[in-house]
Amino acid sequence: MSTRRYTIILHPDTEEGGYTVTVPTLPGCVTQGETLEEAIVMAKDAIRLYLETLVAEGEPIPEEHEHPQAIIIDVAA
């Protein structure tokens, strides 16, 4: 079994709490968790299942070559 590296994006849910997690390189790979730690564990499981499904269907596994970066900037408005 090989190890792959994917960027995950954690979107805080300000109304309900917890996090929604997306994986930019894997369209439709979405999960959630009540805590940051749980969200990361759930993301690993979701990615693993996503990749297993691709293999089972004979589809290529996407590789992430460029890792997106998120930064917060201040803009006067």
PDB file of N, CA and C in Angstrom:
ATOM      1  N   MET A   1       0.846  -1.184   0.000  1.00  0.00           N
ATOM      2  CA  MET A   1       0.000   0.000   0.000  1.00  0.00           C
ATOM      3  C   MET A   1       0.883   1.237   0.000  1.00  0.00           C
ATOM      4  N   SER A   2       0.605   2.144  -0.911  1.00  0.00           N
ATOM      5  CA  SER A   2       1.401   3.367  -0.996  1.00  0.00           C
ATOM      6  C   SER A   2       0.742   4.488  -0.192  1.00  0.00           C
ATOM      7  N   THR A   3       1.526   5.486   0.094  1.00  0.00           N
ATOM      8  CA  THR A   3       1.012   6.654   0.804  1.00  0.00           C
ATOM      9  C   THR A   3       0.887   7.799  -0.185  1.00  0.00           C
ATOM     10  N   ARG A   4      -0.234   8.473  -0.137  1.00  0.00           N
ATOM     11  CA  ARG A   4      -0.472   9.625  -1.012  1.00  0.00           C
ATOM     12  C   ARG A   4      -0.718  10.843  -0.146  1.00  0.00           C
ATOM     13  N   ARG A   5      -0.464  12.001  -0.706  1.00  0.00           N
ATOM     14  CA  ARG A   5      -0.640  13.258   0.032  1.00  0.00           C
ATOM     15  C   ARG A   5      -1.658  14.126  -0.693  1.00  0.00           C
ATOM     16  N   TYR A   6      -2.683  14.557   0.052  1.00  0.00           N
ATOM     17  CA  TYR A   6      -3.721  15.432  -0.490  1.00  0.00           C
ATOM     18  C   TYR A   6      -3.971  16.576   0.474  1.00  0.00           C
ATOM     19  N   THR A   7      -4.272  17.731  -0.085  1.00  0.00           N
ATOM     20  CA  THR A   7      -4.662  18.888   0.709  1.00  0.00           C
ATOM     21  C   THR A   7      -6.138  18.757   1.053  1.00  0.00           C
ATOM     22  N   ILE A   8      -6.478  19.025   2.319  1.00  0.00           N
ATOM     23  CA  ILE A   8      -7.879  19.088   2.721  1.00  0.00           C
ATOM     24  C   ILE A   8      -8.182  20.517   3.153  1.00  0.00           C
ATOM     25  N   ILE A   9      -9.414  20.933   2.930  1.00  0.00           N
ATOM     26  CA  ILE A   9      -9.864  22.259   3.345  1.00  0.00           C
ATOM     27  C   ILE A   9     -10.923  22.057   4.419  1.00  0.00           C
ATOM     28  N   LEU A  10     -10.700  22.663   5.578  1.00  0.00           N
ATOM     29  CA  LEU A  10     -11.636  22.573   6.700  1.00  0.00           C
ATOM     30  C   LEU A  10     -12.468  23.846   6.743  1.00  0.00           C
ATOM     31  N   HIS A  11     -13.764  23.687   6.573  1.00  0.00           N
ATOM     32  CA  HIS A  11     -14.693  24.816   6.575  1.00  0.00           C
ATOM     33  C   HIS A  11     -15.455  24.800   7.900  1.00  0.00           C
ATOM     34  N   PRO A  12     -15.192  25.761   8.813  1.00  0.00           N
ATOM     35  CA  PRO A  12     -15.923  25.776  10.084  1.00  0.00           C
ATOM     36  C   PRO A  12     -17.402  26.073   9.854  1.00  0.00           C
ATOM     37  N   ASP A  13     -18.258  25.361  10.570  1.00  0.00           N
ATOM     38  CA  ASP A  13     -19.695  25.609  10.512  1.00  0.00           C
ATOM     39  C   ASP A  13     -20.047  26.479  11.713  1.00  0.00           C
ATOM     40  N   THR A  14     -20.195  27.777  11.480  1.00  0.00           N
ATOM     41  CA  THR A  14     -20.409  28.725  12.580  1.00  0.00           C
ATOM     42  C   THR A  14     -21.782  28.581  13.227  1.00  0.00           C
ATOM     43  N   GLU A  15     -22.742  28.005  12.513  1.00  0.00           N
ATOM     44  CA  GLU A  15     -24.081  27.850  13.071  1.00  0.00           C
ATOM     45  C   GLU A  15     -24.243  26.549  13.852  1.00  0.00           C
ATOM     46  N   GLU A  16     -23.798  25.449  13.285  1.00  0.00           N
ATOM     47  CA  GLU A  16     -24.000  24.131  13.891  1.00  0.00           C
ATOM     48  C   GLU A  16     -22.788  23.655  14.689  1.00  0.00           C
ATOM     49  N   GLY A  17     -21.619  24.236  14.424  1.00  0.00           N
ATOM     50  CA  GLY A  17     -20.385  23.753  15.035  1.00  0.00           C
ATOM     51  C   GLY A  17     -19.758  22.684  14.160  1.00  0.00           C
ATOM     52  N   GLY A  18     -18.548  22.340  14.449  1.00  0.00           N
ATOM     53  CA  GLY A  18     -17.845  21.329  13.685  1.00  0.00           C
ATOM     54  C   GLY A  18     -17.277  21.876  12.388  1.00  0.00           C
ATOM     55  N   TYR A  19     -16.875  20.958  11.522  1.00  0.00           N
ATOM     56  CA  TYR A  19     -16.208  21.316  10.273  1.00  0.00           C
ATOM     57  C   TYR A  19     -16.717  20.456   9.128  1.00  0.00           C
ATOM     58  N   THR A  20     -16.843  21.056   7.970  1.00  0.00           N
ATOM     59  CA  THR A  20     -17.034  20.324   6.722  1.00  0.00           C
ATOM     60  C   THR A  20     -15.670  20.290   6.050  1.00  0.00           C
ATOM     61  N   VAL A  21     -15.321  19.139   5.495  1.00  0.00           N
ATOM     62  CA  VAL A  21     -14.007  18.960   4.882  1.00  0.00           C
ATOM     63  C   VAL A  21     -14.173  18.643   3.399  1.00  0.00           C
ATOM     64  N   THR A  22     -13.421  19.355   2.560  1.00  0.00           N
ATOM     65  CA  THR A  22     -13.387  19.062   1.130  1.00  0.00           C
ATOM     66  C   THR A  22     -11.954  18.749   0.719  1.00  0.00           C
ATOM     67  N   VAL A  23     -11.828  18.044  -0.393  1.00  0.00           N
ATOM     68  CA  VAL A  23     -10.520  17.673  -0.927  1.00  0.00           C
ATOM     69  C   VAL A  23     -10.475  18.196  -2.363  1.00  0.00           C
ATOM     70  N   PRO A  24      -9.808  19.326  -2.606  1.00  0.00           N
ATOM     71  CA  PRO A  24      -9.838  19.950  -3.932  1.00  0.00           C
ATOM     72  C   PRO A  24      -9.445  19.031  -5.088  1.00  0.00           C
ATOM     73  N   THR A  25      -8.499  18.149  -4.889  1.00  0.00           N
ATOM     74  CA  THR A  25      -8.028  17.283  -5.960  1.00  0.00           C
ATOM     75  C   THR A  25      -8.996  16.138  -6.257  1.00  0.00           C
ATOM     76  N   LEU A  26      -9.906  15.859  -5.305  1.00  0.00           N
ATOM     77  CA  LEU A  26     -10.847  14.749  -5.457  1.00  0.00           C
ATOM     78  C   LEU A  26     -12.276  15.292  -5.457  1.00  0.00           C
ATOM     79  N   PRO A  27     -12.786  15.700  -6.608  1.00  0.00           N
ATOM     80  CA  PRO A  27     -14.115  16.309  -6.680  1.00  0.00           C
ATOM     81  C   PRO A  27     -15.189  15.409  -6.066  1.00  0.00           C
ATOM     82  N   GLY A  28     -16.003  16.000  -5.205  1.00  0.00           N
ATOM     83  CA  GLY A  28     -17.079  15.258  -4.560  1.00  0.00           C
ATOM     84  C   GLY A  28     -16.671  14.541  -3.293  1.00  0.00           C
ATOM     85  N   CYS A  29     -15.398  14.577  -2.945  1.00  0.00           N
ATOM     86  CA  CYS A  29     -14.933  13.950  -1.703  1.00  0.00           C
ATOM     87  C   CYS A  29     -15.150  14.957  -0.579  1.00  0.00           C
ATOM     88  N   VAL A  30     -16.222  14.746   0.186  1.00  0.00           N
ATOM     89  CA  VAL A  30     -16.631  15.674   1.240  1.00  0.00           C
ATOM     90  C   VAL A  30     -16.992  14.868   2.478  1.00  0.00           C
ATOM     91  N   THR A  31     -16.631  15.374   3.637  1.00  0.00           N
ATOM     92  CA  THR A  31     -16.992  14.732   4.897  1.00  0.00           C
ATOM     93  C   THR A  31     -17.121  15.810   5.958  1.00  0.00           C
ATOM     94  N   GLN A  32     -17.318  15.396   7.200  1.00  0.00           N
ATOM     95  CA  GLN A  32     -17.430  16.372   8.286  1.00  0.00           C
ATOM     96  C   GLN A  32     -16.985  15.746   9.592  1.00  0.00           C
ATOM     97  N   GLY A  33     -16.768  16.604  10.587  1.00  0.00           N
ATOM     98  CA  GLY A  33     -16.423  16.160  11.924  1.00  0.00           C
ATOM     99  C   GLY A  33     -16.798  17.219  12.933  1.00  0.00           C
ATOM    100  N   GLU A  34     -17.091  16.783  14.145  1.00  0.00           N
ATOM    101  CA  GLU A  34     -17.489  17.720  15.198  1.00  0.00           C
ATOM    102  C   GLU A  34     -16.305  18.525  15.739  1.00  0.00           C
ATOM    103  N   THR A  35     -15.117  17.937  15.708  1.00  0.00           N
ATOM    104  CA  THR A  35     -13.909  18.621  16.170  1.00  0.00           C
ATOM    105  C   THR A  35     -12.891  18.611  15.029  1.00  0.00           C
ATOM    106  N   LEU A  36     -11.855  19.409  15.173  1.00  0.00           N
ATOM    107  CA  LEU A  36     -10.794  19.442  14.174  1.00  0.00           C
ATOM    108  C   LEU A  36     -10.172  18.054  14.020  1.00  0.00           C
ATOM    109  N   GLU A  37      -9.895  17.405  15.134  1.00  0.00           N
ATOM    110  CA  GLU A  37      -9.280  16.084  15.102  1.00  0.00           C
ATOM    111  C   GLU A  37     -10.187  15.063  14.413  1.00  0.00           C
ATOM    112  N   GLU A  38     -11.485  15.087  14.752  1.00  0.00           N
ATOM    113  CA  GLU A  38     -12.423  14.156  14.140  1.00  0.00           C
ATOM    114  C   GLU A  38     -12.559  14.435  12.644  1.00  0.00           C
ATOM    115  N   ALA A  39     -12.566  15.697  12.258  1.00  0.00           N
ATOM    116  CA  ALA A  39     -12.680  16.057  10.851  1.00  0.00           C
ATOM    117  C   ALA A  39     -11.499  15.511  10.050  1.00  0.00           C
ATOM    118  N   ILE A  40     -10.315  15.564  10.618  1.00  0.00           N
ATOM    119  CA  ILE A  40      -9.121  15.044   9.936  1.00  0.00           C
ATOM    120  C   ILE A  40      -9.205  13.526   9.791  1.00  0.00           C
ATOM    121  N   VAL A  41      -9.623  12.840  10.846  1.00  0.00           N
ATOM    122  CA  VAL A  41      -9.782  11.381  10.785  1.00  0.00           C
ATOM    123  C   VAL A  41     -10.822  11.017   9.733  1.00  0.00           C
ATOM    124  N   MET A  42     -11.938  11.730   9.723  1.00  0.00           N
ATOM    125  CA  MET A  42     -12.993  11.468   8.754  1.00  0.00           C
ATOM    126  C   MET A  42     -12.512  11.737   7.328  1.00  0.00           C
ATOM    127  N   ALA A  43     -11.675  12.770   7.160  1.00  0.00           N
ATOM    128  CA  ALA A  43     -11.126  13.080   5.839  1.00  0.00           C
ATOM    129  C   ALA A  43     -10.249  11.934   5.346  1.00  0.00           C
ATOM    130  N   LYS A  44      -9.420  11.389   6.211  1.00  0.00           N
ATOM    131  CA  LYS A  44      -8.566  10.261   5.816  1.00  0.00           C
ATOM    132  C   LYS A  44      -9.409   9.075   5.381  1.00  0.00           C
ATOM    133  N   ASP A  45     -10.477   8.795   6.128  1.00  0.00           N
ATOM    134  CA  ASP A  45     -11.368   7.693   5.760  1.00  0.00           C
ATOM    135  C   ASP A  45     -12.056   7.965   4.426  1.00  0.00           C
ATOM    136  N   ALA A  46     -12.547   9.184   4.239  1.00  0.00           N
ATOM    137  CA  ALA A  46     -13.250   9.539   2.999  1.00  0.00           C
ATOM    138  C   ALA A  46     -12.311   9.432   1.799  1.00  0.00           C
ATOM    139  N   ILE A  47     -11.082   9.901   1.951  1.00  0.00           N
ATOM    140  CA  ILE A  47     -10.110   9.821   0.859  1.00  0.00           C
ATOM    141  C   ILE A  47      -9.802   8.364   0.539  1.00  0.00           C
ATOM    142  N   ARG A  48      -9.592   7.557   1.569  1.00  0.00           N
ATOM    143  CA  ARG A  48      -9.285   6.136   1.365  1.00  0.00           C
ATOM    144  C   ARG A  48     -10.423   5.452   0.587  1.00  0.00           C
ATOM    145  N   LEU A  49     -11.665   5.702   0.994  1.00  0.00           N
ATOM    146  CA  LEU A  49     -12.817   5.103   0.301  1.00  0.00           C
ATOM    147  C   LEU A  49     -12.945   5.619  -1.127  1.00  0.00           C
ATOM    148  N   TYR A  50     -12.698   6.898  -1.317  1.00  0.00           N
ATOM    149  CA  TYR A  50     -12.753   7.506  -2.652  1.00  0.00           C
ATOM    150  C   TYR A  50     -11.751   6.816  -3.572  1.00  0.00           C
ATOM    151  N   LEU A  51     -10.518   6.647  -3.084  1.00  0.00           N
ATOM    152  CA  LEU A  51      -9.475   6.019  -3.897  1.00  0.00           C
ATOM    153  C   LEU A  51      -9.788   4.554  -4.168  1.00  0.00           C
ATOM    154  N   GLU A  52     -10.321   3.840  -3.160  1.00  0.00           N
ATOM    155  CA  GLU A  52     -10.694   2.442  -3.349  1.00  0.00           C
ATOM    156  C   GLU A  52     -11.764   2.312  -4.429  1.00  0.00           C
ATOM    157  N   THR A  53     -12.711   3.238  -4.450  1.00  0.00           N
ATOM    158  CA  THR A  53     -13.763   3.224  -5.459  1.00  0.00           C
ATOM    159  C   THR A  53     -13.181   3.453  -6.849  1.00  0.00           C
ATOM    160  N   LEU A  54     -12.251   4.405  -6.958  1.00  0.00           N
ATOM    161  CA  LEU A  54     -11.616   4.649  -8.254  1.00  0.00           C
ATOM    162  C   LEU A  54     -10.912   3.393  -8.759  1.00  0.00           C
ATOM    163  N   VAL A  55     -10.167   2.734  -7.887  1.00  0.00           N
ATOM    164  CA  VAL A  55      -9.440   1.517  -8.267  1.00  0.00           C
ATOM    165  C   VAL A  55     -10.431   0.435  -8.707  1.00  0.00           C
ATOM    166  N   ALA A  56     -11.509   0.253  -7.939  1.00  0.00           N
ATOM    167  CA  ALA A  56     -12.505  -0.772  -8.255  1.00  0.00           C
ATOM    168  C   ALA A  56     -13.161  -0.520  -9.611  1.00  0.00           C
ATOM    169  N   GLU A  57     -13.297   0.740  -9.978  1.00  0.00           N
ATOM    170  CA  GLU A  57     -13.927   1.099 -11.250  1.00  0.00           C
ATOM    171  C   GLU A  57     -12.925   1.249 -12.389  1.00  0.00           C
ATOM    172  N   GLY A  58     -11.647   0.983 -12.099  1.00  0.00           N
ATOM    173  CA  GLY A  58     -10.616   1.065 -13.132  1.00  0.00           C
ATOM    174  C   GLY A  58     -10.264   2.489 -13.538  1.00  0.00           C
ATOM    175  N   GLU A  59     -10.580   3.448 -12.687  1.00  0.00           N
ATOM    176  CA  GLU A  59     -10.300   4.858 -12.974  1.00  0.00           C
ATOM    177  C   GLU A  59      -8.909   5.224 -12.452  1.00  0.00           C
ATOM    178  N   PRO A  60      -8.266   6.211 -13.060  1.00  0.00           N
ATOM    179  CA  PRO A  60      -6.951   6.646 -12.561  1.00  0.00           C
ATOM    180  C   PRO A  60      -7.093   7.380 -11.227  1.00  0.00           C
ATOM    181  N   ILE A  61      -6.064   7.278 -10.415  1.00  0.00           N
ATOM    182  CA  ILE A  61      -6.043   7.973  -9.123  1.00  0.00           C
ATOM    183  C   ILE A  61      -5.373   9.324  -9.326  1.00  0.00           C
ATOM    184  N   PRO A  62      -6.090  10.422  -9.027  1.00  0.00           N
ATOM    185  CA  PRO A  62      -5.499  11.755  -9.190  1.00  0.00           C
ATOM    186  C   PRO A  62      -4.321  11.969  -8.233  1.00  0.00           C
ATOM    187  N   GLU A  63      -3.300  12.587  -8.751  1.00  0.00           N
ATOM    188  CA  GLU A  63      -2.137  12.968  -7.944  1.00  0.00           C
ATOM    189  C   GLU A  63      -2.187  14.473  -7.731  1.00  0.00           C
ATOM    190  N   GLU A  64      -1.854  14.895  -6.552  1.00  0.00           N
ATOM    191  CA  GLU A  64      -1.781  16.327  -6.273  1.00  0.00           C
ATOM    192  C   GLU A  64      -0.320  16.747  -6.364  1.00  0.00           C
ATOM    193  N   HIS A  65      -0.018  17.601  -7.333  1.00  0.00           N
ATOM    194  CA  HIS A  65       1.363  18.033  -7.531  1.00  0.00           C
ATOM    195  C   HIS A  65       1.603  19.418  -6.939  1.00  0.00           C
ATOM    196  N   GLU A  66       0.616  20.259  -7.002  1.00  0.00           N
ATOM    197  CA  GLU A  66       0.709  21.604  -6.442  1.00  0.00           C
ATOM    198  C   GLU A  66      -0.216  21.662  -5.248  1.00  0.00           C
ATOM    199  N   HIS A  67       0.301  22.015  -4.101  1.00  0.00           N
ATOM    200  CA  HIS A  67      -0.514  22.084  -2.898  1.00  0.00           C
ATOM    201  C   HIS A  67      -1.046  23.501  -2.719  1.00  0.00           C
ATOM    202  N   PRO A  68      -2.382  23.655  -2.757  1.00  0.00           N
ATOM    203  CA  PRO A  68      -2.957  24.997  -2.596  1.00  0.00           C
ATOM    204  C   PRO A  68      -2.618  25.570  -1.227  1.00  0.00           C
ATOM    205  N   GLN A  69      -2.575  26.875  -1.166  1.00  0.00           N
ATOM    206  CA  GLN A  69      -2.322  27.557   0.104  1.00  0.00           C
ATOM    207  C   GLN A  69      -3.445  28.542   0.358  1.00  0.00           C
ATOM    208  N   ALA A  70      -3.842  28.653   1.587  1.00  0.00           N
ATOM    209  CA  ALA A  70      -4.850  29.638   1.967  1.00  0.00           C
ATOM    210  C   ALA A  70      -4.205  30.622   2.932  1.00  0.00           C
ATOM    211  N   ILE A  71      -4.411  31.896   2.684  1.00  0.00           N
ATOM    212  CA  ILE A  71      -3.925  32.914   3.600  1.00  0.00           C
ATOM    213  C   ILE A  71      -5.056  33.921   3.834  1.00  0.00           C
ATOM    214  N   ILE A  72      -4.999  34.584   4.943  1.00  0.00           N
ATOM    215  CA  ILE A  72      -5.977  35.619   5.263  1.00  0.00           C
ATOM    216  C   ILE A  72      -5.312  36.963   5.084  1.00  0.00           C
ATOM    217  N   ILE A  73      -5.987  37.842   4.339  1.00  0.00           N
ATOM    218  CA  ILE A  73      -5.441  39.186   4.138  1.00  0.00           C
ATOM    219  C   ILE A  73      -6.475  40.212   4.582  1.00  0.00           C
ATOM    220  N   ASP A  74      -6.006  41.374   4.969  1.00  0.00           N
ATOM    221  CA  ASP A  74      -6.872  42.492   5.332  1.00  0.00           C
ATOM    222  C   ASP A  74      -6.983  43.436   4.135  1.00  0.00           C
ATOM    223  N   VAL A  75      -8.208  43.884   3.862  1.00  0.00           N
ATOM    224  CA  VAL A  75      -8.441  44.801   2.756  1.00  0.00           C
ATOM    225  C   VAL A  75      -9.273  45.961   3.282  1.00  0.00           C
ATOM    226  N   ALA A  76      -8.820  47.169   3.092  1.00  0.00           N
ATOM    227  CA  ALA A  76      -9.583  48.335   3.504  1.00  0.00           C
ATOM    228  C   ALA A  76     -10.759  48.502   2.553  1.00  0.00           C
ATOM    229  N   ALA A  77     -11.936  48.654   3.118  1.00  0.00           N
ATOM    230  CA  ALA A  77     -13.125  48.808   2.254  1.00  0.00           C
ATOM    231  C   ALA A  77     -14.047  49.853   2.857  1.00  0.00           C
TER     232      ALA A  77
END
